[in-house]
Amino acid sequence: MNQPKTTLFILILSFPLILLNFNQTAYAAMGKGPVQKLARGLTHFIASPFQLPKEVIETTGEAETIWLAPWKGMSEGIGKGFYQWGRQGISGLVDIFTFWTPAGRDWDPIFESASLFPKT
């Protein structure tokens, strides 16, 4: 199979990160650092499309009249969903491309992302 090629490919991709020699121990007590920022960025970027259906479901449930619920959920919910999708996706990309630096925010994200689980 392709096991040796896959292993070699992974080693080649991870070798530059080893050379950067991040000082992760200085941030271990705080739970913040470049590795956490990279992981948060990947999570934000990958999870951002799921904000669209979450917002549609949440907005539909917030409708005061039952006959208006589908319309409100699809119109307002889609708008909110695209906004959250873009906001979280851009935040993820910024964290991915600047993970090696605190960027003046002490390793914090641009914003605290919304939960993917609808409010009950």
PDB file of N, CA and C in Angstrom:
ATOM      1  N   MET A   1       0.829  -1.180   0.000  1.00  0.00           N
ATOM      2  CA  MET A   1       0.000   0.000   0.000  1.00  0.00           C
ATOM      3  C   MET A   1       0.871   1.240   0.000  1.00  0.00           C
ATOM      4  N   ASN A   2       0.300   2.380   0.373  1.00  0.00           N
ATOM      5  CA  ASN A   2       1.015   3.646   0.375  1.00  0.00           C
ATOM      6  C   ASN A   2       1.464   4.063   1.766  1.00  0.00           C
ATOM      7  N   GLN A   3       1.629   3.126   2.672  1.00  0.00           N
ATOM      8  CA  GLN A   3       1.991   3.468   4.045  1.00  0.00           C
ATOM      9  C   GLN A   3       3.323   4.211   4.124  1.00  0.00           C
ATOM     10  N   PRO A   4       4.398   3.753   3.479  1.00  0.00           N
ATOM     11  CA  PRO A   4       5.665   4.498   3.583  1.00  0.00           C
ATOM     12  C   PRO A   4       5.563   5.896   2.970  1.00  0.00           C
ATOM     13  N   LYS A   5       4.844   6.030   1.868  1.00  0.00           N
ATOM     14  CA  LYS A   5       4.705   7.339   1.238  1.00  0.00           C
ATOM     15  C   LYS A   5       3.906   8.292   2.127  1.00  0.00           C
ATOM     16  N   THR A   6       2.856   7.786   2.749  1.00  0.00           N
ATOM     17  CA  THR A   6       2.035   8.616   3.632  1.00  0.00           C
ATOM     18  C   THR A   6       2.836   9.063   4.848  1.00  0.00           C
ATOM     19  N   THR A   7       3.586   8.157   5.442  1.00  0.00           N
ATOM     20  CA  THR A   7       4.406   8.493   6.602  1.00  0.00           C
ATOM     21  C   THR A   7       5.456   9.537   6.235  1.00  0.00           C
ATOM     22  N   LEU A   8       6.097   9.355   5.110  1.00  0.00           N
ATOM     23  CA  LEU A   8       7.100  10.311   4.654  1.00  0.00           C
ATOM     24  C   LEU A   8       6.464  11.680   4.400  1.00  0.00           C
ATOM     25  N   PHE A   9       5.289  11.696   3.800  1.00  0.00           N
ATOM     26  CA  PHE A   9       4.581  12.943   3.525  1.00  0.00           C
ATOM     27  C   PHE A   9       4.256  13.683   4.821  1.00  0.00           C
ATOM     28  N   ILE A  10       3.784  12.969   5.831  1.00  0.00           N
ATOM     29  CA  ILE A  10       3.460  13.585   7.120  1.00  0.00           C
ATOM     30  C   ILE A  10       4.724  14.114   7.797  1.00  0.00           C
ATOM     31  N   LEU A  11       5.801  13.370   7.736  1.00  0.00           N
ATOM     32  CA  LEU A  11       7.057  13.827   8.327  1.00  0.00           C
ATOM     33  C   LEU A  11       7.586  15.078   7.635  1.00  0.00           C
ATOM     34  N   ILE A  12       7.466  15.128   6.318  1.00  0.00           N
ATOM     35  CA  ILE A  12       7.930  16.300   5.572  1.00  0.00           C
ATOM     36  C   ILE A  12       7.090  17.520   5.930  1.00  0.00           C
ATOM     37  N   LEU A  13       5.785  17.334   6.096  1.00  0.00           N
ATOM     38  CA  LEU A  13       4.918  18.453   6.459  1.00  0.00           C
ATOM     39  C   LEU A  13       5.158  18.937   7.885  1.00  0.00           C
ATOM     40  N   SER A  14       5.459  18.044   8.796  1.00  0.00           N
ATOM     41  CA  SER A  14       5.626  18.444  10.190  1.00  0.00           C
ATOM     42  C   SER A  14       7.051  18.907  10.508  1.00  0.00           C
ATOM     43  N   PHE A  15       8.021  18.635   9.672  1.00  0.00           N
ATOM     44  CA  PHE A  15       9.406  19.001   9.948  1.00  0.00           C
ATOM     45  C   PHE A  15       9.612  20.503  10.113  1.00  0.00           C
ATOM     46  N   PRO A  16       9.029  21.375   9.269  1.00  0.00           N
ATOM     47  CA  PRO A  16       9.213  22.826   9.491  1.00  0.00           C
ATOM     48  C   PRO A  16       8.681  23.296  10.836  1.00  0.00           C
ATOM     49  N   LEU A  17       7.621  22.694  11.330  1.00  0.00           N
ATOM     50  CA  LEU A  17       7.092  23.089  12.637  1.00  0.00           C
ATOM     51  C   LEU A  17       8.058  22.715  13.759  1.00  0.00           C
ATOM     52  N   ILE A  18       8.760  21.620  13.594  1.00  0.00           N
ATOM     53  CA  ILE A  18       9.749  21.216  14.588  1.00  0.00           C
ATOM     54  C   ILE A  18      10.926  22.213  14.595  1.00  0.00           C
ATOM     55  N   LEU A  19      11.291  22.692  13.415  1.00  0.00           N
ATOM     56  CA  LEU A  19      12.407  23.627  13.316  1.00  0.00           C
ATOM     57  C   LEU A  19      12.088  24.980  13.950  1.00  0.00           C
ATOM     58  N   LEU A  20      10.817  25.361  13.989  1.00  0.00           N
ATOM     59  CA  LEU A  20      10.459  26.654  14.567  1.00  0.00           C
ATOM     60  C   LEU A  20      10.685  26.685  16.072  1.00  0.00           C
ATOM     61  N   ASN A  21      10.662  25.519  16.725  1.00  0.00           N
ATOM     62  CA  ASN A  21      10.963  25.384  18.151  1.00  0.00           C
ATOM     63  C   ASN A  21      10.162  26.373  18.999  1.00  0.00           C
ATOM     64  N   PHE A  22       8.854  26.200  19.007  1.00  0.00           N
ATOM     65  CA  PHE A  22       7.991  27.075  19.790  1.00  0.00           C
ATOM     66  C   PHE A  22       8.314  26.943  21.270  1.00  0.00           C
ATOM     67  N   ASN A  23       8.294  28.034  21.969  1.00  0.00           N
ATOM     68  CA  ASN A  23       8.510  28.037  23.403  1.00  0.00           C
ATOM     69  C   ASN A  23       7.162  27.803  24.083  1.00  0.00           C
ATOM     70  N   GLN A  24       6.641  26.619  23.949  1.00  0.00           N
ATOM     71  CA  GLN A  24       5.313  26.290  24.443  1.00  0.00           C
ATOM     72  C   GLN A  24       5.284  26.181  25.964  1.00  0.00           C
ATOM     73  N   THR A  25       6.391  25.880  26.592  1.00  0.00           N
ATOM     74  CA  THR A  25       6.387  25.708  28.044  1.00  0.00           C
ATOM     75  C   THR A  25       6.094  27.016  28.769  1.00  0.00           C
ATOM     76  N   ALA A  26       6.428  28.145  28.171  1.00  0.00           N
ATOM     77  CA  ALA A  26       6.163  29.434  28.813  1.00  0.00           C
ATOM     78  C   ALA A  26       4.672  29.713  28.906  1.00  0.00           C
ATOM     79  N   TYR A  27       3.885  29.119  28.027  1.00  0.00           N
ATOM     80  CA  TYR A  27       2.446  29.378  27.998  1.00  0.00           C
ATOM     81  C   TYR A  27       1.636  28.195  28.506  1.00  0.00           C
ATOM     82  N   ALA A  28       2.288  27.150  28.958  1.00  0.00           N
ATOM     83  CA  ALA A  28       1.576  25.952  29.388  1.00  0.00           C
ATOM     84  C   ALA A  28       0.701  26.208  30.610  1.00  0.00           C
ATOM     85  N   ALA A  29       1.173  27.032  31.527  1.00  0.00           N
ATOM     86  CA  ALA A  29       0.396  27.309  32.736  1.00  0.00           C
ATOM     87  C   ALA A  29      -0.857  28.107  32.421  1.00  0.00           C
ATOM     88  N   MET A  30      -0.807  28.969  31.400  1.00  0.00           N
ATOM     89  CA  MET A  30      -1.953  29.787  31.041  1.00  0.00           C
ATOM     90  C   MET A  30      -2.920  29.045  30.125  1.00  0.00           C
ATOM     91  N   GLY A  31      -2.472  27.978  29.501  1.00  0.00           N
ATOM     92  CA  GLY A  31      -3.317  27.278  28.548  1.00  0.00           C
ATOM     93  C   GLY A  31      -3.421  28.014  27.227  1.00  0.00           C
ATOM     94  N   LYS A  32      -2.501  28.927  26.979  1.00  0.00           N
ATOM     95  CA  LYS A  32      -2.503  29.706  25.752  1.00  0.00           C
ATOM     96  C   LYS A  32      -1.145  29.585  25.102  1.00  0.00           C
ATOM     97  N   GLY A  33      -1.128  29.689  23.794  1.00  0.00           N
ATOM     98  CA  GLY A  33       0.118  29.632  23.071  1.00  0.00           C
ATOM     99  C   GLY A  33      -0.140  29.390  21.602  1.00  0.00           C
ATOM    100  N   PRO A  34       0.911  29.232  20.831  1.00  0.00           N
ATOM    101  CA  PRO A  34       0.746  29.080  19.388  1.00  0.00           C
ATOM    102  C   PRO A  34      -0.009  27.820  18.991  1.00  0.00           C
ATOM    103  N   VAL A  35       0.214  26.724  19.701  1.00  0.00           N
ATOM    104  CA  VAL A  35      -0.468  25.479  19.338  1.00  0.00           C
ATOM    105  C   VAL A  35      -1.964  25.602  19.599  1.00  0.00           C
ATOM    106  N   GLN A  36      -2.329  26.204  20.725  1.00  0.00           N
ATOM    107  CA  GLN A  36      -3.750  26.386  21.022  1.00  0.00           C
ATOM    108  C   GLN A  36      -4.386  27.354  20.026  1.00  0.00           C
ATOM    109  N   LYS A  37      -3.645  28.375  19.630  1.00  0.00           N
ATOM    110  CA  LYS A  37      -4.180  29.341  18.673  1.00  0.00           C
ATOM    111  C   LYS A  37      -4.393  28.685  17.313  1.00  0.00           C
ATOM    112  N   LEU A  38      -3.469  27.840  16.887  1.00  0.00           N
ATOM    113  CA  LEU A  38      -3.623  27.126  15.621  1.00  0.00           C
ATOM    114  C   LEU A  38      -4.809  26.167  15.684  1.00  0.00           C
ATOM    115  N   ALA A  39      -4.926  25.435  16.781  1.00  0.00           N
ATOM    116  CA  ALA A  39      -6.043  24.500  16.927  1.00  0.00           C
ATOM    117  C   ALA A  39      -7.377  25.239  16.949  1.00  0.00           C
ATOM    118  N   ARG A  40      -7.430  26.368  17.654  1.00  0.00           N
ATOM    119  CA  ARG A  40      -8.661  27.161  17.697  1.00  0.00           C
ATOM    120  C   ARG A  40      -9.005  27.674  16.306  1.00  0.00           C
ATOM    121  N   GLY A  41      -8.000  28.122  15.560  1.00  0.00           N
ATOM    122  CA  GLY A  41      -8.236  28.622  14.209  1.00  0.00           C
ATOM    123  C   GLY A  41      -8.775  27.544  13.287  1.00  0.00           C
ATOM    124  N   LEU A  42      -8.190  26.360  13.365  1.00  0.00           N
ATOM    125  CA  LEU A  42      -8.691  25.250  12.536  1.00  0.00           C
ATOM    126  C   LEU A  42     -10.121  24.879  12.928  1.00  0.00           C
ATOM    127  N   THR A  43     -10.389  24.848  14.219  1.00  0.00           N
ATOM    128  CA  THR A  43     -11.734  24.512  14.685  1.00  0.00           C
ATOM    129  C   THR A  43     -12.740  25.563  14.234  1.00  0.00           C
ATOM    130  N   HIS A  44     -12.401  26.830  14.382  1.00  0.00           N
ATOM    131  CA  HIS A  44     -13.313  27.893  13.959  1.00  0.00           C
ATOM    132  C   HIS A  44     -13.580  27.813  12.465  1.00  0.00           C
ATOM    133  N   PHE A  45     -12.536  27.603  11.678  1.00  0.00           N
ATOM    134  CA  PHE A  45     -12.708  27.587  10.233  1.00  0.00           C
ATOM    135  C   PHE A  45     -13.527  26.380   9.780  1.00  0.00           C
ATOM    136  N   ILE A  46     -13.246  25.207  10.343  1.00  0.00           N
ATOM    137  CA  ILE A  46     -13.958  23.997   9.928  1.00  0.00           C
ATOM    138  C   ILE A  46     -15.411  24.016  10.394  1.00  0.00           C
ATOM    139  N   ALA A  47     -15.670  24.564  11.581  1.00  0.00           N
ATOM    140  CA  ALA A  47     -17.025  24.570  12.139  1.00  0.00           C
ATOM    141  C   ALA A  47     -17.874  25.738  11.644  1.00  0.00           C
ATOM    142  N   SER A  48     -17.293  26.706  10.975  1.00  0.00           N
ATOM    143  CA  SER A  48     -18.045  27.905  10.590  1.00  0.00           C
ATOM    144  C   SER A  48     -19.247  27.631   9.681  1.00  0.00           C
ATOM    145  N   PRO A  49     -19.218  26.700   8.726  1.00  0.00           N
ATOM    146  CA  PRO A  49     -20.419  26.477   7.906  1.00  0.00           C
ATOM    147  C   PRO A  49     -21.618  25.969   8.706  1.00  0.00           C
ATOM    148  N   PHE A  50     -21.384  25.369   9.845  1.00  0.00           N
ATOM    149  CA  PHE A  50     -22.489  24.837  10.641  1.00  0.00           C
ATOM    150  C   PHE A  50     -23.252  25.932  11.377  1.00  0.00           C
ATOM    151  N   GLN A  51     -22.758  27.167  11.330  1.00  0.00           N
ATOM    152  CA  GLN A  51     -23.489  28.275  11.933  1.00  0.00           C
ATOM    153  C   GLN A  51     -24.778  28.574  11.161  1.00  0.00           C
ATOM    154  N   LEU A  52     -24.787  28.301   9.856  1.00  0.00           N
ATOM    155  CA  LEU A  52     -25.971  28.589   9.036  1.00  0.00           C
ATOM    156  C   LEU A  52     -27.190  27.783   9.477  1.00  0.00           C
ATOM    157  N   PRO A  53     -27.134  26.448   9.521  1.00  0.00           N
ATOM    158  CA  PRO A  53     -28.337  25.722   9.974  1.00  0.00           C
ATOM    159  C   PRO A  53     -28.668  25.987  11.436  1.00  0.00           C
ATOM    160  N   LYS A  54     -27.651  26.222  12.270  1.00  0.00           N
ATOM    161  CA  LYS A  54     -27.925  26.505  13.686  1.00  0.00           C
ATOM    162  C   LYS A  54     -28.739  27.770  13.838  1.00  0.00           C
ATOM    163  N   GLU A  55     -28.379  28.813  13.116  1.00  0.00           N
ATOM    164  CA  GLU A  55     -29.100  30.080  13.216  1.00  0.00           C
ATOM    165  C   GLU A  55     -30.519  29.965  12.650  1.00  0.00           C
ATOM    166  N   VAL A  56     -30.700  29.183  11.584  1.00  0.00           N
ATOM    167  CA  VAL A  56     -32.046  28.984  11.031  1.00  0.00           C
ATOM    168  C   VAL A  56     -32.933  28.286  12.061  1.00  0.00           C
ATOM    169  N   ILE A  57     -32.404  27.266  12.707  1.00  0.00           N
ATOM    170  CA  ILE A  57     -33.173  26.528  13.719  1.00  0.00           C
ATOM    171  C   ILE A  57     -33.493  27.435  14.903  1.00  0.00           C
ATOM    172  N   GLU A  58     -32.502  28.179  15.381  1.00  0.00           N
ATOM    173  CA  GLU A  58     -32.710  29.070  16.530  1.00  0.00           C
ATOM    174  C   GLU A  58     -33.732  30.156  16.221  1.00  0.00           C
ATOM    175  N   THR A  59     -33.625  30.776  15.056  1.00  0.00           N
ATOM    176  CA  THR A  59     -34.524  31.871  14.702  1.00  0.00           C
ATOM    177  C   THR A  59     -35.940  31.354  14.480  1.00  0.00           C
ATOM    178  N   THR A  60     -36.083  30.173  13.913  1.00  0.00           N
ATOM    179  CA  THR A  60     -37.410  29.585  13.734  1.00  0.00           C
ATOM    180  C   THR A  60     -38.061  29.340  15.087  1.00  0.00           C
ATOM    181  N   GLY A  61     -37.297  28.888  16.042  1.00  0.00           N
ATOM    182  CA  GLY A  61     -37.834  28.626  17.372  1.00  0.00           C
ATOM    183  C   GLY A  61     -38.188  29.881  18.147  1.00  0.00           C
ATOM    184  N   GLU A  62     -37.589  31.014  17.787  1.00  0.00           N
ATOM    185  CA  GLU A  62     -37.858  32.269  18.483  1.00  0.00           C
ATOM    186  C   GLU A  62     -39.092  32.994  17.966  1.00  0.00           C
ATOM    187  N   ALA A  63     -39.681  32.515  16.873  1.00  0.00           N
ATOM    188  CA  ALA A  63     -40.834  33.197  16.279  1.00  0.00           C
ATOM    189  C   ALA A  63     -42.011  33.195  17.252  1.00  0.00           C
ATOM    190  N   GLU A  64     -42.681  34.340  17.331  1.00  0.00           N
ATOM    191  CA  GLU A  64     -43.791  34.480  18.277  1.00  0.00           C
ATOM    192  C   GLU A  64     -45.076  33.843  17.755  1.00  0.00           C
ATOM    193  N   THR A  65     -45.319  33.933  16.470  1.00  0.00           N
ATOM    194  CA  THR A  65     -46.521  33.314  15.896  1.00  0.00           C
ATOM    195  C   THR A  65     -46.120  32.127  15.052  1.00  0.00           C
ATOM    196  N   ILE A  66     -46.902  31.073  15.137  1.00  0.00           N
ATOM    197  CA  ILE A  66     -46.539  29.813  14.485  1.00  0.00           C
ATOM    198  C   ILE A  66     -46.560  29.924  12.965  1.00  0.00           C
ATOM    199  N   TRP A  67     -47.459  30.714  12.435  1.00  0.00           N
ATOM    200  CA  TRP A  67     -47.535  30.805  10.982  1.00  0.00           C
ATOM    201  C   TRP A  67     -46.390  31.633  10.409  1.00  0.00           C
ATOM    202  N   LEU A  68     -45.729  32.448  11.227  1.00  0.00           N
ATOM    203  CA  LEU A  68     -44.618  33.267  10.776  1.00  0.00           C
ATOM    204  C   LEU A  68     -43.262  32.571  10.973  1.00  0.00           C
ATOM    205  N   ALA A  69     -43.247  31.482  11.698  1.00  0.00           N
ATOM    206  CA  ALA A  69     -41.990  30.814  12.046  1.00  0.00           C
ATOM    207  C   ALA A  69     -41.165  30.384  10.833  1.00  0.00           C
ATOM    208  N   PRO A  70     -41.746  29.703   9.822  1.00  0.00           N
ATOM    209  CA  PRO A  70     -40.899  29.298   8.682  1.00  0.00           C
ATOM    210  C   PRO A  70     -40.318  30.494   7.927  1.00  0.00           C
ATOM    211  N   TRP A  71     -41.123  31.534   7.752  1.00  0.00           N
ATOM    212  CA  TRP A  71     -40.634  32.711   7.028  1.00  0.00           C
ATOM    213  C   TRP A  71     -39.512  33.402   7.797  1.00  0.00           C
ATOM    214  N   LYS A  72     -39.710  33.602   9.091  1.00  0.00           N
ATOM    215  CA  LYS A  72     -38.698  34.259   9.905  1.00  0.00           C
ATOM    216  C   LYS A  72     -37.428  33.412   9.981  1.00  0.00           C
ATOM    217  N   GLY A  73     -37.596  32.111  10.127  1.00  0.00           N
ATOM    218  CA  GLY A  73     -36.432  31.235  10.212  1.00  0.00           C
ATOM    219  C   GLY A  73     -35.601  31.235   8.947  1.00  0.00           C
ATOM    220  N   MET A  74     -36.273  31.229   7.801  1.00  0.00           N
ATOM    221  CA  MET A  74     -35.534  31.170   6.545  1.00  0.00           C
ATOM    222  C   MET A  74     -34.962  32.525   6.135  1.00  0.00           C
ATOM    223  N   SER A  75     -35.644  33.607   6.433  1.00  0.00           N
ATOM    224  CA  SER A  75     -35.122  34.913   6.012  1.00  0.00           C
ATOM    225  C   SER A  75     -34.111  35.468   7.020  1.00  0.00           C
ATOM    226  N   GLU A  76     -34.555  35.670   8.231  1.00  0.00           N
ATOM    227  CA  GLU A  76     -33.671  36.232   9.253  1.00  0.00           C
ATOM    228  C   GLU A  76     -32.594  35.229   9.671  1.00  0.00           C
ATOM    229  N   GLY A  77     -32.957  33.968   9.770  1.00  0.00           N
ATOM    230  CA  GLY A  77     -32.002  32.936  10.184  1.00  0.00           C
ATOM    231  C   GLY A  77     -30.869  32.750   9.194  1.00  0.00           C
ATOM    232  N   ILE A  78     -31.191  32.801   7.903  1.00  0.00           N
ATOM    233  CA  ILE A  78     -30.137  32.659   6.891  1.00  0.00           C
ATOM    234  C   ILE A  78     -29.206  33.869   6.939  1.00  0.00           C
ATOM    235  N   GLY A  79     -29.768  35.050   7.135  1.00  0.00           N
ATOM    236  CA  GLY A  79     -28.924  36.247   7.248  1.00  0.00           C
ATOM    237  C   GLY A  79     -27.983  36.168   8.438  1.00  0.00           C
ATOM    238  N   LYS A  80     -28.539  35.804   9.597  1.00  0.00           N
ATOM    239  CA  LYS A  80     -27.704  35.653  10.789  1.00  0.00           C
ATOM    240  C   LYS A  80     -26.664  34.543  10.596  1.00  0.00           C
ATOM    241  N   GLY A  81     -27.079  33.455   9.956  1.00  0.00           N
ATOM    242  CA  GLY A  81     -26.172  32.326   9.746  1.00  0.00           C
ATOM    243  C   GLY A  81     -24.992  32.682   8.863  1.00  0.00           C
ATOM    244  N   PHE A  82     -25.263  33.410   7.765  1.00  0.00           N
ATOM    245  CA  PHE A  82     -24.155  33.824   6.900  1.00  0.00           C
ATOM    246  C   PHE A  82     -23.225  34.798   7.619  1.00  0.00           C
ATOM    247  N   TYR A  83     -23.800  35.668   8.445  1.00  0.00           N
ATOM    248  CA  TYR A  83     -22.971  36.596   9.220  1.00  0.00           C
ATOM    249  C   TYR A  83     -22.063  35.831  10.182  1.00  0.00           C
ATOM    250  N   GLN A  84     -22.628  34.885  10.945  1.00  0.00           N
ATOM    251  CA  GLN A  84     -21.828  34.093  11.889  1.00  0.00           C
ATOM    252  C   GLN A  84     -20.807  33.225  11.156  1.00  0.00           C
ATOM    253  N   TRP A  85     -21.195  32.674  10.008  1.00  0.00           N
ATOM    254  CA  TRP A  85     -20.303  31.852   9.197  1.00  0.00           C
ATOM    255  C   TRP A  85     -19.080  32.680   8.788  1.00  0.00           C
ATOM    256  N   GLY A  86     -19.317  33.858   8.225  1.00  0.00           N
ATOM    257  CA  GLY A  86     -18.204  34.710   7.787  1.00  0.00           C
ATOM    258  C   GLY A  86     -17.353  35.184   8.948  1.00  0.00           C
ATOM    259  N   ARG A  87     -18.015  35.576  10.035  1.00  0.00           N
ATOM    260  CA  ARG A  87     -17.293  36.077  11.206  1.00  0.00           C
ATOM    261  C   ARG A  87     -16.393  35.001  11.799  1.00  0.00           C
ATOM    262  N   GLN A  88     -16.932  33.811  11.972  1.00  0.00           N
ATOM    263  CA  GLN A  88     -16.150  32.730  12.559  1.00  0.00           C
ATOM    264  C   GLN A  88     -15.099  32.220  11.577  1.00  0.00           C
ATOM    265  N   GLY A  89     -15.428  32.171  10.285  1.00  0.00           N
ATOM    266  CA  GLY A  89     -14.457  31.721   9.290  1.00  0.00           C
ATOM    267  C   GLY A  89     -13.264  32.656   9.173  1.00  0.00           C
ATOM    268  N   ILE A  90     -13.533  33.961   9.174  1.00  0.00           N
ATOM    269  CA  ILE A  90     -12.443  34.934   9.095  1.00  0.00           C
ATOM    270  C   ILE A  90     -11.590  34.885  10.358  1.00  0.00           C
ATOM    271  N   SER A  91     -12.238  34.751  11.507  1.00  0.00           N
ATOM    272  CA  SER A  91     -11.484  34.632  12.757  1.00  0.00           C
ATOM    273  C   SER A  91     -10.585  33.397  12.725  1.00  0.00           C
ATOM    274  N   GLY A  92     -11.105  32.302  12.206  1.00  0.00           N
ATOM    275  CA  GLY A  92     -10.303  31.086  12.098  1.00  0.00           C
ATOM    276  C   GLY A  92      -9.118  31.257  11.173  1.00  0.00           C
ATOM    277  N   LEU A  93      -9.343  31.906  10.031  1.00  0.00           N
ATOM    278  CA  LEU A  93      -8.242  32.121   9.089  1.00  0.00           C
ATOM    279  C   LEU A  93      -7.179  33.040   9.682  1.00  0.00           C
ATOM    280  N   VAL A  94      -7.603  34.075  10.395  1.00  0.00           N
ATOM    281  CA  VAL A  94      -6.627  34.969  11.031  1.00  0.00           C
ATOM    282  C   VAL A  94      -5.795  34.189  12.049  1.00  0.00           C
ATOM    283  N   ASP A  95      -6.451  33.329  12.837  1.00  0.00           N
ATOM    284  CA  ASP A  95      -5.706  32.531  13.822  1.00  0.00           C
ATOM    285  C   ASP A  95      -4.779  31.530  13.144  1.00  0.00           C
ATOM    286  N   ILE A  96      -5.192  30.949  12.031  1.00  0.00           N
ATOM    287  CA  ILE A  96      -4.348  29.977  11.325  1.00  0.00           C
ATOM    288  C   ILE A  96      -3.102  30.658  10.762  1.00  0.00           C
ATOM    289  N   PHE A  97      -3.280  31.817  10.141  1.00  0.00           N
ATOM    290  CA  PHE A  97      -2.151  32.467   9.480  1.00  0.00           C
ATOM    291  C   PHE A  97      -1.292  33.320  10.411  1.00  0.00           C
ATOM    292  N   THR A  98      -1.725  33.510  11.677  1.00  0.00           N
ATOM    293  CA  THR A  98      -0.910  34.269  12.626  1.00  0.00           C
ATOM    294  C   THR A  98      -0.711  33.500  13.926  1.00  0.00           C
ATOM    295  N   PHE A  99      -0.708  32.187  13.861  1.00  0.00           N
ATOM    296  CA  PHE A  99      -0.643  31.397  15.088  1.00  0.00           C
ATOM    297  C   PHE A  99       0.677  31.526  15.828  1.00  0.00           C
ATOM    298  N   TRP A 100       1.733  31.925  15.176  1.00  0.00           N
ATOM    299  CA  TRP A 100       3.040  32.001  15.822  1.00  0.00           C
ATOM    300  C   TRP A 100       3.239  33.282  16.629  1.00  0.00           C
ATOM    301  N   THR A 101       2.300  34.207  16.564  1.00  0.00           N
ATOM    302  CA  THR A 101       2.444  35.477  17.262  1.00  0.00           C
ATOM    303  C   THR A 101       1.192  35.791  18.078  1.00  0.00           C
ATOM    304  N   PRO A 102       1.319  36.445  19.211  1.00  0.00           N
ATOM    305  CA  PRO A 102       0.118  36.802  19.976  1.00  0.00           C
ATOM    306  C   PRO A 102      -0.705  37.892  19.300  1.00  0.00           C
ATOM    307  N   ALA A 103      -0.146  38.607  18.337  1.00  0.00           N
ATOM    308  CA  ALA A 103      -0.838  39.630  17.545  1.00  0.00           C
ATOM    309  C   ALA A 103      -1.491  40.695  18.420  1.00  0.00           C
ATOM    310  N   GLY A 104      -0.863  41.041  19.535  1.00  0.00           N
ATOM    311  CA  GLY A 104      -1.366  42.097  20.394  1.00  0.00           C
ATOM    312  C   GLY A 104      -2.591  41.721  21.206  1.00  0.00           C
ATOM    313  N   ARG A 105      -3.008  40.457  21.175  1.00  0.00           N
ATOM    314  CA  ARG A 105      -4.204  40.042  21.898  1.00  0.00           C
ATOM    315  C   ARG A 105      -3.878  39.006  22.974  1.00  0.00           C
ATOM    316  N   ASP A 106      -2.612  38.809  23.297  1.00  0.00           N
ATOM    317  CA  ASP A 106      -2.213  37.849  24.324  1.00  0.00           C
ATOM    318  C   ASP A 106      -2.790  36.461  24.042  1.00  0.00           C
ATOM    319  N   TRP A 107      -2.698  36.021  22.799  1.00  0.00           N
ATOM    320  CA  TRP A 107      -3.126  34.707  22.329  1.00  0.00           C
ATOM    321  C   TRP A 107      -4.643  34.512  22.348  1.00  0.00           C
ATOM    322  N   ASP A 108      -5.419  35.558  22.621  1.00  0.00           N
ATOM    323  CA  ASP A 108      -6.872  35.438  22.626  1.00  0.00           C
ATOM    324  C   ASP A 108      -7.407  35.516  21.197  1.00  0.00           C
ATOM    325  N   PRO A 109      -8.599  34.967  20.968  1.00  0.00           N
ATOM    326  CA  PRO A 109      -9.190  35.052  19.629  1.00  0.00           C
ATOM    327  C   PRO A 109      -9.703  36.463  19.346  1.00  0.00           C
ATOM    328  N   ILE A 110     -10.020  36.723  18.091  1.00  0.00           N
ATOM    329  CA  ILE A 110     -10.591  38.012  17.711  1.00  0.00           C
ATOM    330  C   ILE A 110     -11.918  38.212  18.423  1.00  0.00           C
ATOM    331  N   PHE A 111     -12.707  37.154  18.516  1.00  0.00           N
ATOM    332  CA  PHE A 111     -13.976  37.198  19.228  1.00  0.00           C
ATOM    333  C   PHE A 111     -14.267  35.814  19.768  1.00  0.00           C
ATOM    334  N   GLU A 112     -15.092  35.745  20.776  1.00  0.00           N
ATOM    335  CA  GLU A 112     -15.523  34.452  21.304  1.00  0.00           C
ATOM    336  C   GLU A 112     -16.633  33.931  20.411  1.00  0.00           C
ATOM    337  N   SER A 113     -16.432  32.785  19.829  1.00  0.00           N
ATOM    338  CA  SER A 113     -17.402  32.267  18.872  1.00  0.00           C
ATOM    339  C   SER A 113     -18.675  31.791  19.563  1.00  0.00           C
ATOM    340  N   ALA A 114     -19.745  31.790  18.794  1.00  0.00           N
ATOM    341  CA  ALA A 114     -21.019  31.309  19.308  1.00  0.00           C
ATOM    342  C   ALA A 114     -20.984  29.790  19.373  1.00  0.00           C
ATOM    343  N   SER A 115     -21.761  29.233  20.276  1.00  0.00           N
ATOM    344  CA  SER A 115     -21.832  27.780  20.397  1.00  0.00           C
ATOM    345  C   SER A 115     -22.555  27.195  19.188  1.00  0.00           C
ATOM    346  N   LEU A 116     -22.180  26.005  18.793  1.00  0.00           N
ATOM    347  CA  LEU A 116     -22.865  25.350  17.679  1.00  0.00           C
ATOM    348  C   LEU A 116     -24.186  24.704  18.105  1.00  0.00           C
ATOM    349  N   PHE A 117     -24.441  24.657  19.395  1.00  0.00           N
ATOM    350  CA  PHE A 117     -25.670  24.048  19.868  1.00  0.00           C
ATOM    351  C   PHE A 117     -26.724  25.124  20.071  1.00  0.00           C
ATOM    352  N   PRO A 118     -27.910  24.951  19.489  1.00  0.00           N
ATOM    353  CA  PRO A 118     -28.958  25.958  19.656  1.00  0.00           C
ATOM    354  C   PRO A 118     -29.349  26.111  21.129  1.00  0.00           C
ATOM    355  N   LYS A 119     -29.732  27.354  21.479  1.00  0.00           N
ATOM    356  CA  LYS A 119     -30.185  27.614  22.842  1.00  0.00           C
ATOM    357  C   LYS A 119     -31.520  26.925  23.085  1.00  0.00           C
ATOM    358  N   THR A 120     -31.731  26.454  24.299  1.00  0.00           N
ATOM    359  CA  THR A 120     -32.996  25.771  24.569  1.00  0.00           C
ATOM    360  C   THR A 120     -34.005  26.700  25.184  1.00  0.00           C
TER     361      THR A 120
END
